Amino acid sequence: MRNPVIDSVWEKIRHLEIGGSEAAQAKLVEVGNIAQAIRAAEGQEVANEILDYGLIETALLRCRQLQDYELNGLGYDELQIFYRYATTAMSRAQTVIDTHYSELGL
């Protein structure tokens, strides 16, 4: 990837405060744009395979919801679970894109 998704902004997502919600929202948009670009170039099935059938976006959404206190009864531990899943899955997705779809320039 030209501009890695996992960067210093991404790292802020793991915090309940300190800009975590804004970081999660920004990365949610960025991952959505990547998904759209892959769908346009390679089709829905390829986008699904690379981006775990939308689960990366779902995990980022849950992070933002937790940071904005929209999910009653859930807190820091759940944030870490969603954050770590999203980070691991996005790292894998970046590797696949870099290795097999570098021509997309993502």
PDB file of N, CA and C in Angstrom:
ATOM      1  N   MET A   1       0.844  -1.179   0.000  1.00  0.00           N
ATOM      2  CA  MET A   1       0.000   0.000   0.000  1.00  0.00           C
ATOM      3  C   MET A   1       0.885   1.236   0.000  1.00  0.00           C
ATOM      4  N   ARG A   2       0.496   2.202  -0.763  1.00  0.00           N
ATOM      5  CA  ARG A   2       1.234   3.462  -0.770  1.00  0.00           C
ATOM      6  C   ARG A   2       1.155   4.150   0.588  1.00  0.00           C
ATOM      7  N   ASN A   3      -0.028   4.216   1.123  1.00  0.00           N
ATOM      8  CA  ASN A   3      -0.245   4.838   2.430  1.00  0.00           C
ATOM      9  C   ASN A   3      -0.847   3.787   3.349  1.00  0.00           C
ATOM     10  N   PRO A   4      -0.041   3.210   4.220  1.00  0.00           N
ATOM     11  CA  PRO A   4      -0.577   2.152   5.089  1.00  0.00           C
ATOM     12  C   PRO A   4      -1.755   2.652   5.920  1.00  0.00           C
ATOM     13  N   VAL A   5      -2.738   1.825   6.048  1.00  0.00           N
ATOM     14  CA  VAL A   5      -3.904   2.169   6.852  1.00  0.00           C
ATOM     15  C   VAL A   5      -3.531   2.154   8.336  1.00  0.00           C
ATOM     16  N   ILE A   6      -2.722   1.197   8.720  1.00  0.00           N
ATOM     17  CA  ILE A   6      -2.292   1.100  10.110  1.00  0.00           C
ATOM     18  C   ILE A   6      -1.119   2.053  10.302  1.00  0.00           C
ATOM     19  N   ASP A   7      -1.411   3.161  10.943  1.00  0.00           N
ATOM     20  CA  ASP A   7      -0.423   4.224  11.125  1.00  0.00           C
ATOM     21  C   ASP A   7      -0.632   4.859  12.502  1.00  0.00           C
ATOM     22  N   SER A   8      -0.085   6.027  12.706  1.00  0.00           N
ATOM     23  CA  SER A   8      -0.206   6.681  14.020  1.00  0.00           C
ATOM     24  C   SER A   8      -1.652   7.048  14.352  1.00  0.00           C
ATOM     25  N   VAL A   9      -2.463   7.335  13.356  1.00  0.00           N
ATOM     26  CA  VAL A   9      -3.888   7.609  13.611  1.00  0.00           C
ATOM     27  C   VAL A   9      -4.576   6.322  14.059  1.00  0.00           C
ATOM     28  N   TRP A  10      -4.289   5.226  13.367  1.00  0.00           N
ATOM     29  CA  TRP A  10      -4.877   3.929  13.718  1.00  0.00           C
ATOM     30  C   TRP A  10      -4.589   3.590  15.177  1.00  0.00           C
ATOM     31  N   GLU A  11      -3.364   3.849  15.623  1.00  0.00           N
ATOM     32  CA  GLU A  11      -2.963   3.514  16.992  1.00  0.00           C
ATOM     33  C   GLU A  11      -3.830   4.212  18.042  1.00  0.00           C
ATOM     34  N   LYS A  12      -4.411   5.350  17.711  1.00  0.00           N
ATOM     35  CA  LYS A  12      -5.265   6.075  18.650  1.00  0.00           C
ATOM     36  C   LYS A  12      -6.587   5.363  18.915  1.00  0.00           C
ATOM     37  N   ILE A  13      -6.979   4.474  18.023  1.00  0.00           N
ATOM     38  CA  ILE A  13      -8.260   3.787  18.143  1.00  0.00           C
ATOM     39  C   ILE A  13      -8.338   2.980  19.431  1.00  0.00           C
ATOM     40  N   ARG A  14      -7.235   2.502  19.934  1.00  0.00           N
ATOM     41  CA  ARG A  14      -7.261   1.647  21.125  1.00  0.00           C
ATOM     42  C   ARG A  14      -7.607   2.392  22.407  1.00  0.00           C
ATOM     43  N   HIS A  15      -7.697   3.709  22.352  1.00  0.00           N
ATOM     44  CA  HIS A  15      -7.987   4.518  23.533  1.00  0.00           C
ATOM     45  C   HIS A  15      -9.469   4.875  23.603  1.00  0.00           C
ATOM     46  N   LEU A  16     -10.036   4.794  24.806  1.00  0.00           N
ATOM     47  CA  LEU A  16     -11.419   5.219  24.980  1.00  0.00           C
ATOM     48  C   LEU A  16     -11.547   6.722  24.770  1.00  0.00           C
ATOM     49  N   GLU A  17     -10.488   7.428  25.054  1.00  0.00           N
ATOM     50  CA  GLU A  17     -10.500   8.885  24.888  1.00  0.00           C
ATOM     51  C   GLU A  17      -9.275   9.251  24.050  1.00  0.00           C
ATOM     52  N   ILE A  18      -8.747  10.418  24.193  1.00  0.00           N
ATOM     53  CA  ILE A  18      -7.542  10.876  23.478  1.00  0.00           C
ATOM     54  C   ILE A  18      -7.709  10.723  21.962  1.00  0.00           C
ATOM     55  N   GLY A  19      -8.857  11.085  21.448  1.00  0.00           N
ATOM     56  CA  GLY A  19      -9.067  11.076  20.001  1.00  0.00           C
ATOM     57  C   GLY A  19      -9.386   9.729  19.402  1.00  0.00           C
ATOM     58  N   GLY A  20      -9.711   8.750  20.226  1.00  0.00           N
ATOM     59  CA  GLY A  20     -10.001   7.412  19.721  1.00  0.00           C
ATOM     60  C   GLY A  20     -11.196   7.361  18.788  1.00  0.00           C
ATOM     61  N   SER A  21     -12.267   8.042  19.140  1.00  0.00           N
ATOM     62  CA  SER A  21     -13.475   8.025  18.326  1.00  0.00           C
ATOM     63  C   SER A  21     -13.238   8.646  16.957  1.00  0.00           C
ATOM     64  N   GLU A  22     -12.541   9.763  16.935  1.00  0.00           N
ATOM     65  CA  GLU A  22     -12.246  10.435  15.662  1.00  0.00           C
ATOM     66  C   GLU A  22     -11.346   9.561  14.791  1.00  0.00           C
ATOM     67  N   ALA A  23     -10.382   8.907  15.415  1.00  0.00           N
ATOM     68  CA  ALA A  23      -9.480   8.027  14.673  1.00  0.00           C
ATOM     69  C   ALA A  23     -10.248   6.843  14.094  1.00  0.00           C
ATOM     70  N   ALA A  24     -11.124   6.241  14.895  1.00  0.00           N
ATOM     71  CA  ALA A  24     -11.913   5.106  14.420  1.00  0.00           C
ATOM     72  C   ALA A  24     -12.801   5.517  13.249  1.00  0.00           C
ATOM     73  N   GLN A  25     -13.425   6.679  13.344  1.00  0.00           N
ATOM     74  CA  GLN A  25     -14.282   7.151  12.255  1.00  0.00           C
ATOM     75  C   GLN A  25     -13.470   7.409  10.990  1.00  0.00           C
ATOM     76  N   ALA A  26     -12.316   8.030  11.137  1.00  0.00           N
ATOM     77  CA  ALA A  26     -11.464   8.309   9.965  1.00  0.00           C
ATOM     78  C   ALA A  26     -11.019   7.016   9.297  1.00  0.00           C
ATOM     79  N   LYS A  27     -10.639   6.023  10.080  1.00  0.00           N
ATOM     80  CA  LYS A  27     -10.180   4.754   9.517  1.00  0.00           C
ATOM     81  C   LYS A  27     -11.337   3.939   8.960  1.00  0.00           C
ATOM     82  N   LEU A  28     -12.510   4.081   9.541  1.00  0.00           N
ATOM     83  CA  LEU A  28     -13.696   3.431   8.998  1.00  0.00           C
ATOM     84  C   LEU A  28     -13.972   3.940   7.588  1.00  0.00           C
ATOM     85  N   VAL A  29     -13.867   5.232   7.398  1.00  0.00           N
ATOM     86  CA  VAL A  29     -14.052   5.824   6.063  1.00  0.00           C
ATOM     87  C   VAL A  29     -12.954   5.335   5.115  1.00  0.00           C
ATOM     88  N   GLU A  30     -11.718   5.319   5.592  1.00  0.00           N
ATOM     89  CA  GLU A  30     -10.592   4.898   4.756  1.00  0.00           C
ATOM     90  C   GLU A  30     -10.730   3.440   4.312  1.00  0.00           C
ATOM     91  N   VAL A  31     -11.083   2.563   5.236  1.00  0.00           N
ATOM     92  CA  VAL A  31     -11.268   1.151   4.887  1.00  0.00           C
ATOM     93  C   VAL A  31     -12.448   0.997   3.921  1.00  0.00           C
ATOM     94  N   GLY A  32     -13.499   1.768   4.125  1.00  0.00           N
ATOM     95  CA  GLY A  32     -14.632   1.753   3.201  1.00  0.00           C
ATOM     96  C   GLY A  32     -14.230   2.165   1.799  1.00  0.00           C
ATOM     97  N   ASN A  33     -13.371   3.166   1.698  1.00  0.00           N
ATOM     98  CA  ASN A  33     -12.879   3.605   0.384  1.00  0.00           C
ATOM     99  C   ASN A  33     -12.022   2.534  -0.277  1.00  0.00           C
ATOM    100  N   ILE A  34     -11.220   1.842   0.506  1.00  0.00           N
ATOM    101  CA  ILE A  34     -10.409   0.751  -0.027  1.00  0.00           C
ATOM    102  C   ILE A  34     -11.312  -0.364  -0.537  1.00  0.00           C
ATOM    103  N   ALA A  35     -12.321  -0.709   0.243  1.00  0.00           N
ATOM    104  CA  ALA A  35     -13.269  -1.750  -0.168  1.00  0.00           C
ATOM    105  C   ALA A  35     -13.952  -1.371  -1.480  1.00  0.00           C
ATOM    106  N   GLN A  36     -14.351  -0.125  -1.578  1.00  0.00           N
ATOM    107  CA  GLN A  36     -15.021   0.344  -2.793  1.00  0.00           C
ATOM    108  C   GLN A  36     -14.083   0.251  -4.002  1.00  0.00           C
ATOM    109  N   ALA A  37     -12.833   0.623  -3.833  1.00  0.00           N
ATOM    110  CA  ALA A  37     -11.861   0.562  -4.929  1.00  0.00           C
ATOM    111  C   ALA A  37     -11.608  -0.878  -5.366  1.00  0.00           C
ATOM    112  N   ILE A  38     -11.515  -1.778  -4.408  1.00  0.00           N
ATOM    113  CA  ILE A  38     -11.308  -3.193  -4.750  1.00  0.00           C
ATOM    114  C   ILE A  38     -12.530  -3.749  -5.458  1.00  0.00           C
ATOM    115  N   ARG A  39     -13.716  -3.428  -4.959  1.00  0.00           N
ATOM    116  CA  ARG A  39     -14.951  -3.881  -5.617  1.00  0.00           C
ATOM    117  C   ARG A  39     -15.017  -3.400  -7.053  1.00  0.00           C
ATOM    118  N   ALA A  40     -14.677  -2.142  -7.274  1.00  0.00           N
ATOM    119  CA  ALA A  40     -14.753  -1.578  -8.617  1.00  0.00           C
ATOM    120  C   ALA A  40     -13.771  -2.251  -9.573  1.00  0.00           C
ATOM    121  N   ALA A  41     -12.592  -2.585  -9.071  1.00  0.00           N
ATOM    122  CA  ALA A  41     -11.552  -3.150  -9.935  1.00  0.00           C
ATOM    123  C   ALA A  41     -11.614  -4.667 -10.052  1.00  0.00           C
ATOM    124  N   GLU A  42     -11.969  -5.330  -8.962  1.00  0.00           N
ATOM    125  CA  GLU A  42     -11.846  -6.790  -8.916  1.00  0.00           C
ATOM    126  C   GLU A  42     -13.143  -7.529  -8.607  1.00  0.00           C
ATOM    127  N   GLY A  43     -14.167  -6.811  -8.174  1.00  0.00           N
ATOM    128  CA  GLY A  43     -15.436  -7.443  -7.871  1.00  0.00           C
ATOM    129  C   GLY A  43     -15.678  -7.620  -6.377  1.00  0.00           C
ATOM    130  N   GLN A  44     -16.932  -7.858  -6.052  1.00  0.00           N
ATOM    131  CA  GLN A  44     -17.367  -7.981  -4.670  1.00  0.00           C
ATOM    132  C   GLN A  44     -16.705  -9.142  -3.948  1.00  0.00           C
ATOM    133  N   GLU A  45     -16.602 -10.283  -4.599  1.00  0.00           N
ATOM    134  CA  GLU A  45     -16.053 -11.466  -3.938  1.00  0.00           C
ATOM    135  C   GLU A  45     -14.599 -11.263  -3.521  1.00  0.00           C
ATOM    136  N   VAL A  46     -13.810 -10.619  -4.370  1.00  0.00           N
ATOM    137  CA  VAL A  46     -12.409 -10.344  -4.028  1.00  0.00           C
ATOM    138  C   VAL A  46     -12.343  -9.374  -2.850  1.00  0.00           C
ATOM    139  N   ALA A  47     -13.174  -8.339  -2.890  1.00  0.00           N
ATOM    140  CA  ALA A  47     -13.214  -7.387  -1.775  1.00  0.00           C
ATOM    141  C   ALA A  47     -13.603  -8.096  -0.482  1.00  0.00           C
ATOM    142  N   ASN A  48     -14.574  -8.983  -0.555  1.00  0.00           N
ATOM    143  CA  ASN A  48     -14.992  -9.744   0.623  1.00  0.00           C
ATOM    144  C   ASN A  48     -13.846 -10.583   1.178  1.00  0.00           C
ATOM    145  N   GLU A  49     -13.151 -11.274   0.306  1.00  0.00           N
ATOM    146  CA  GLU A  49     -12.049 -12.134   0.733  1.00  0.00           C
ATOM    147  C   GLU A  49     -10.935 -11.320   1.390  1.00  0.00           C
ATOM    148  N   ILE A  50     -10.584 -10.209   0.795  1.00  0.00           N
ATOM    149  CA  ILE A  50      -9.468  -9.398   1.307  1.00  0.00           C
ATOM    150  C   ILE A  50      -9.836  -8.735   2.629  1.00  0.00           C
ATOM    151  N   LEU A  51     -11.031  -8.197   2.719  1.00  0.00           N
ATOM    152  CA  LEU A  51     -11.424  -7.392   3.874  1.00  0.00           C
ATOM    153  C   LEU A  51     -12.355  -8.134   4.833  1.00  0.00           C
ATOM    154  N   ASP A  52     -12.225  -9.454   4.860  1.00  0.00           N
ATOM    155  CA  ASP A  52     -12.972 -10.290   5.817  1.00  0.00           C
ATOM    156  C   ASP A  52     -14.480 -10.023   5.808  1.00  0.00           C
ATOM    157  N   TYR A  53     -15.031  -9.941   4.626  1.00  0.00           N
ATOM    158  CA  TYR A  53     -16.486  -9.815   4.475  1.00  0.00           C
ATOM    159  C   TYR A  53     -17.076  -8.682   5.298  1.00  0.00           C
ATOM    160  N   GLY A  54     -16.368  -7.572   5.365  1.00  0.00           N
ATOM    161  CA  GLY A  54     -16.857  -6.390   6.070  1.00  0.00           C
ATOM    162  C   GLY A  54     -16.610  -6.393   7.577  1.00  0.00           C
ATOM    163  N   LEU A  55     -15.967  -7.435   8.096  1.00  0.00           N
ATOM    164  CA  LEU A  55     -15.767  -7.516   9.544  1.00  0.00           C
ATOM    165  C   LEU A  55     -14.756  -6.494  10.063  1.00  0.00           C
ATOM    166  N   ILE A  56     -13.822  -6.069   9.222  1.00  0.00           N
ATOM    167  CA  ILE A  56     -12.891  -5.019   9.650  1.00  0.00           C
ATOM    168  C   ILE A  56     -13.674  -3.735   9.889  1.00  0.00           C
ATOM    169  N   GLU A  57     -14.550  -3.411   8.961  1.00  0.00           N
ATOM    170  CA  GLU A  57     -15.373  -2.208   9.117  1.00  0.00           C
ATOM    171  C   GLU A  57     -16.293  -2.331  10.331  1.00  0.00           C
ATOM    172  N   THR A  58     -16.855  -3.506  10.543  1.00  0.00           N
ATOM    173  CA  THR A  58     -17.722  -3.719  11.705  1.00  0.00           C
ATOM    174  C   THR A  58     -16.941  -3.525  12.997  1.00  0.00           C
ATOM    175  N   ALA A  59     -15.732  -4.065  13.067  1.00  0.00           N
ATOM    176  CA  ALA A  59     -14.910  -3.918  14.272  1.00  0.00           C
ATOM    177  C   ALA A  59     -14.574  -2.451  14.527  1.00  0.00           C
ATOM    178  N   LEU A  60     -14.242  -1.717  13.466  1.00  0.00           N
ATOM    179  CA  LEU A  60     -13.948  -0.286  13.625  1.00  0.00           C
ATOM    180  C   LEU A  60     -15.193   0.476  14.076  1.00  0.00           C
ATOM    181  N   LEU A  61     -16.345   0.118  13.534  1.00  0.00           N
ATOM    182  CA  LEU A  61     -17.599   0.745  13.958  1.00  0.00           C
ATOM    183  C   LEU A  61     -17.858   0.475  15.435  1.00  0.00           C
ATOM    184  N   ARG A  62     -17.647  -0.760  15.868  1.00  0.00           N
ATOM    185  CA  ARG A  62     -17.847  -1.078  17.290  1.00  0.00           C
ATOM    186  C   ARG A  62     -16.871  -0.289  18.170  1.00  0.00           C
ATOM    187  N   CYS A  63     -15.628  -0.124  17.709  1.00  0.00           N
ATOM    188  CA  CYS A  63     -14.672   0.696  18.466  1.00  0.00           C
ATOM    189  C   CYS A  63     -15.217   2.105  18.641  1.00  0.00           C
ATOM    190  N   ARG A  64     -15.707   2.692  17.550  1.00  0.00           N
ATOM    191  CA  ARG A  64     -16.243   4.047  17.633  1.00  0.00           C
ATOM    192  C   ARG A  64     -17.458   4.107  18.540  1.00  0.00           C
ATOM    193  N   GLN A  65     -18.325   3.112  18.446  1.00  0.00           N
ATOM    194  CA  GLN A  65     -19.509   3.085  19.305  1.00  0.00           C
ATOM    195  C   GLN A  65     -19.120   2.967  20.781  1.00  0.00           C
ATOM    196  N   LEU A  66     -18.129   2.159  21.080  1.00  0.00           N
ATOM    197  CA  LEU A  66     -17.657   2.038  22.463  1.00  0.00           C
ATOM    198  C   LEU A  66     -17.063   3.351  22.949  1.00  0.00           C
ATOM    199  N   GLN A  67     -16.300   4.008  22.112  1.00  0.00           N
ATOM    200  CA  GLN A  67     -15.681   5.283  22.488  1.00  0.00           C
ATOM    201  C   GLN A  67     -16.717   6.382  22.694  1.00  0.00           C
ATOM    202  N   ASP A  68     -17.816   6.286  21.975  1.00  0.00           N
ATOM    203  CA  ASP A  68     -18.887   7.267  22.106  1.00  0.00           C
ATOM    204  C   ASP A  68     -19.947   6.825  23.125  1.00  0.00           C
ATOM    205  N   TYR A  69     -19.665   5.756  23.859  1.00  0.00           N
ATOM    206  CA  TYR A  69     -20.536   5.232  24.916  1.00  0.00           C
ATOM    207  C   TYR A  69     -21.938   4.906  24.401  1.00  0.00           C
ATOM    208  N   GLU A  70     -22.007   4.361  23.193  1.00  0.00           N
ATOM    209  CA  GLU A  70     -23.284   3.966  22.596  1.00  0.00           C
ATOM    210  C   GLU A  70     -23.665   2.531  22.943  1.00  0.00           C
ATOM    211  N   LEU A  71     -22.728   1.752  23.449  1.00  0.00           N
ATOM    212  CA  LEU A  71     -22.987   0.343  23.758  1.00  0.00           C
ATOM    213  C   LEU A  71     -22.937   0.149  25.270  1.00  0.00           C
ATOM    214  N   ASN A  72     -24.094   0.182  25.892  1.00  0.00           N
ATOM    215  CA  ASN A  72     -24.188   0.072  27.352  1.00  0.00           C
ATOM    216  C   ASN A  72     -23.640  -1.262  27.838  1.00  0.00           C
ATOM    217  N   GLY A  73     -22.904  -1.202  28.924  1.00  0.00           N
ATOM    218  CA  GLY A  73     -22.380  -2.408  29.538  1.00  0.00           C
ATOM    219  C   GLY A  73     -21.071  -2.895  28.950  1.00  0.00           C
ATOM    220  N   LEU A  74     -20.610  -2.265  27.905  1.00  0.00           N
ATOM    221  CA  LEU A  74     -19.337  -2.644  27.292  1.00  0.00           C
ATOM    222  C   LEU A  74     -18.349  -1.510  27.489  1.00  0.00           C
ATOM    223  N   GLY A  75     -17.071  -1.847  27.559  1.00  0.00           N
ATOM    224  CA  GLY A  75     -16.081  -0.810  27.819  1.00  0.00           C
ATOM    225  C   GLY A  75     -14.715  -1.133  27.260  1.00  0.00           C
ATOM    226  N   TYR A  76     -13.704  -0.865  28.068  1.00  0.00           N
ATOM    227  CA  TYR A  76     -12.321  -0.941  27.633  1.00  0.00           C
ATOM    228  C   TYR A  76     -11.923  -2.327  27.120  1.00  0.00           C
ATOM    229  N   ASP A  77     -12.308  -3.382  27.809  1.00  0.00           N
ATOM    230  CA  ASP A  77     -11.924  -4.735  27.386  1.00  0.00           C
ATOM    231  C   ASP A  77     -12.474  -5.056  25.997  1.00  0.00           C
ATOM    232  N   GLU A  78     -13.726  -4.720  25.783  1.00  0.00           N
ATOM    233  CA  GLU A  78     -14.337  -4.982  24.476  1.00  0.00           C
ATOM    234  C   GLU A  78     -13.692  -4.114  23.390  1.00  0.00           C
ATOM    235  N   LEU A  79     -13.351  -2.886  23.745  1.00  0.00           N
ATOM    236  CA  LEU A  79     -12.650  -2.022  22.798  1.00  0.00           C
ATOM    237  C   LEU A  79     -11.352  -2.687  22.349  1.00  0.00           C
ATOM    238  N   GLN A  80     -10.621  -3.253  23.296  1.00  0.00           N
ATOM    239  CA  GLN A  80      -9.355  -3.896  22.952  1.00  0.00           C
ATOM    240  C   GLN A  80      -9.563  -5.110  22.056  1.00  0.00           C
ATOM    241  N   ILE A  81     -10.616  -5.864  22.296  1.00  0.00           N
ATOM    242  CA  ILE A  81     -10.910  -7.032  21.465  1.00  0.00           C
ATOM    243  C   ILE A  81     -11.207  -6.595  20.032  1.00  0.00           C
ATOM    244  N   PHE A  82     -12.086  -5.623  19.867  1.00  0.00           N
ATOM    245  CA  PHE A  82     -12.417  -5.144  18.515  1.00  0.00           C
ATOM    246  C   PHE A  82     -11.206  -4.499  17.846  1.00  0.00           C
ATOM    247  N   TYR A  83     -10.452  -3.718  18.601  1.00  0.00           N
ATOM    248  CA  TYR A  83      -9.263  -3.052  18.063  1.00  0.00           C
ATOM    249  C   TYR A  83      -8.232  -4.075  17.591  1.00  0.00           C
ATOM    250  N   ARG A  84      -7.977  -5.070  18.407  1.00  0.00           N
ATOM    251  CA  ARG A  84      -6.963  -6.071  18.043  1.00  0.00           C
ATOM    252  C   ARG A  84      -7.406  -6.904  16.851  1.00  0.00           C
ATOM    253  N   TYR A  85      -8.685  -7.238  16.791  1.00  0.00           N
ATOM    254  CA  TYR A  85      -9.169  -7.961  15.606  1.00  0.00           C
ATOM    255  C   TYR A  85      -8.984  -7.101  14.353  1.00  0.00           C
ATOM    256  N   ALA A  86      -9.441  -5.855  14.418  1.00  0.00           N
ATOM    257  CA  ALA A  86      -9.344  -4.968  13.253  1.00  0.00           C
ATOM    258  C   ALA A  86      -7.892  -4.784  12.825  1.00  0.00           C
ATOM    259  N   THR A  87      -7.000  -4.636  13.788  1.00  0.00           N
ATOM    260  CA  THR A  87      -5.588  -4.432  13.475  1.00  0.00           C
ATOM    261  C   THR A  87      -4.991  -5.665  12.802  1.00  0.00           C
ATOM    262  N   THR A  88      -5.251  -6.830  13.349  1.00  0.00           N
ATOM    263  CA  THR A  88      -4.721  -8.067  12.772  1.00  0.00           C
ATOM    264  C   THR A  88      -5.284  -8.300  11.372  1.00  0.00           C
ATOM    265  N   ALA A  89      -6.586  -8.124  11.224  1.00  0.00           N
ATOM    266  CA  ALA A  89      -7.227  -8.354   9.926  1.00  0.00           C
ATOM    267  C   ALA A  89      -6.779  -7.329   8.889  1.00  0.00           C
ATOM    268  N   MET A  90      -6.627  -6.071   9.296  1.00  0.00           N
ATOM    269  CA  MET A  90      -6.195  -5.051   8.346  1.00  0.00           C
ATOM    270  C   MET A  90      -4.740  -5.255   7.954  1.00  0.00           C
ATOM    271  N   SER A  91      -3.919  -5.708   8.867  1.00  0.00           N
ATOM    272  CA  SER A  91      -2.527  -6.002   8.549  1.00  0.00           C
ATOM    273  C   SER A  91      -2.454  -7.105   7.495  1.00  0.00           C
ATOM    274  N   ARG A  92      -3.258  -8.137   7.669  1.00  0.00           N
ATOM    275  CA  ARG A  92      -3.323  -9.216   6.692  1.00  0.00           C
ATOM    276  C   ARG A  92      -3.823  -8.695   5.337  1.00  0.00           C
ATOM    277  N   ALA A  93      -4.854  -7.851   5.380  1.00  0.00           N
ATOM    278  CA  ALA A  93      -5.405  -7.288   4.148  1.00  0.00           C
ATOM    279  C   ALA A  93      -4.353  -6.445   3.418  1.00  0.00           C
ATOM    280  N   GLN A  94      -3.595  -5.650   4.162  1.00  0.00           N
ATOM    281  CA  GLN A  94      -2.545  -4.838   3.538  1.00  0.00           C
ATOM    282  C   GLN A  94      -1.526  -5.717   2.830  1.00  0.00           C
ATOM    283  N   THR A  95      -1.152  -6.823   3.463  1.00  0.00           N
ATOM    284  CA  THR A  95      -0.192  -7.744   2.862  1.00  0.00           C
ATOM    285  C   THR A  95      -0.743  -8.333   1.572  1.00  0.00           C
ATOM    286  N   VAL A  96      -1.996  -8.757   1.584  1.00  0.00           N
ATOM    287  CA  VAL A  96      -2.620  -9.323   0.380  1.00  0.00           C
ATOM    288  C   VAL A  96      -2.678  -8.279  -0.732  1.00  0.00           C
ATOM    289  N   ILE A  97      -3.087  -7.075  -0.395  1.00  0.00           N
ATOM    290  CA  ILE A  97      -3.177  -6.010  -1.400  1.00  0.00           C
ATOM    291  C   ILE A  97      -1.796  -5.708  -1.970  1.00  0.00           C
ATOM    292  N   ASP A  98      -0.813  -5.563  -1.108  1.00  0.00           N
ATOM    293  CA  ASP A  98       0.548  -5.261  -1.564  1.00  0.00           C
ATOM    294  C   ASP A  98       1.117  -6.371  -2.432  1.00  0.00           C
ATOM    295  N   THR A  99       0.806  -7.619  -2.092  1.00  0.00           N
ATOM    296  CA  THR A  99       1.375  -8.759  -2.795  1.00  0.00           C
ATOM    297  C   THR A  99       0.656  -9.062  -4.099  1.00  0.00           C
ATOM    298  N   HIS A 100      -0.678  -9.016  -4.091  1.00  0.00           N
ATOM    299  CA  HIS A 100      -1.444  -9.489  -5.236  1.00  0.00           C
ATOM    300  C   HIS A 100      -2.186  -8.409  -6.024  1.00  0.00           C
ATOM    301  N   TYR A 101      -2.354  -7.241  -5.434  1.00  0.00           N
ATOM    302  CA  TYR A 101      -3.157  -6.196  -6.084  1.00  0.00           C
ATOM    303  C   TYR A 101      -2.451  -4.845  -6.048  1.00  0.00           C
ATOM    304  N   SER A 102      -1.153  -4.854  -6.128  1.00  0.00           N
ATOM    305  CA  SER A 102      -0.387  -3.594  -6.039  1.00  0.00           C
ATOM    306  C   SER A 102      -0.737  -2.637  -7.168  1.00  0.00           C
ATOM    307  N   GLU A 103      -1.204  -3.172  -8.283  1.00  0.00           N
ATOM    308  CA  GLU A 103      -1.569  -2.309  -9.416  1.00  0.00           C
ATOM    309  C   GLU A 103      -2.739  -1.385  -9.098  1.00  0.00           C
ATOM    310  N   LEU A 104      -3.481  -1.669  -8.032  1.00  0.00           N
ATOM    311  CA  LEU A 104      -4.592  -0.805  -7.647  1.00  0.00           C
ATOM    312  C   LEU A 104      -4.104   0.484  -6.986  1.00  0.00           C
ATOM    313  N   GLY A 105      -2.865   0.489  -6.530  1.00  0.00           N
ATOM    314  CA  GLY A 105      -2.294   1.694  -5.940  1.00  0.00           C
ATOM    315  C   GLY A 105      -2.929   2.098  -4.612  1.00  0.00           C
ATOM    316  N   LEU A 106      -3.364   1.111  -3.860  1.00  0.00           N
ATOM    317  CA  LEU A 106      -4.041   1.405  -2.591  1.00  0.00           C
ATOM    318  C   LEU A 106      -3.038   1.538  -1.474  1.00  0.00           C
TER     319      LEU A 106
END
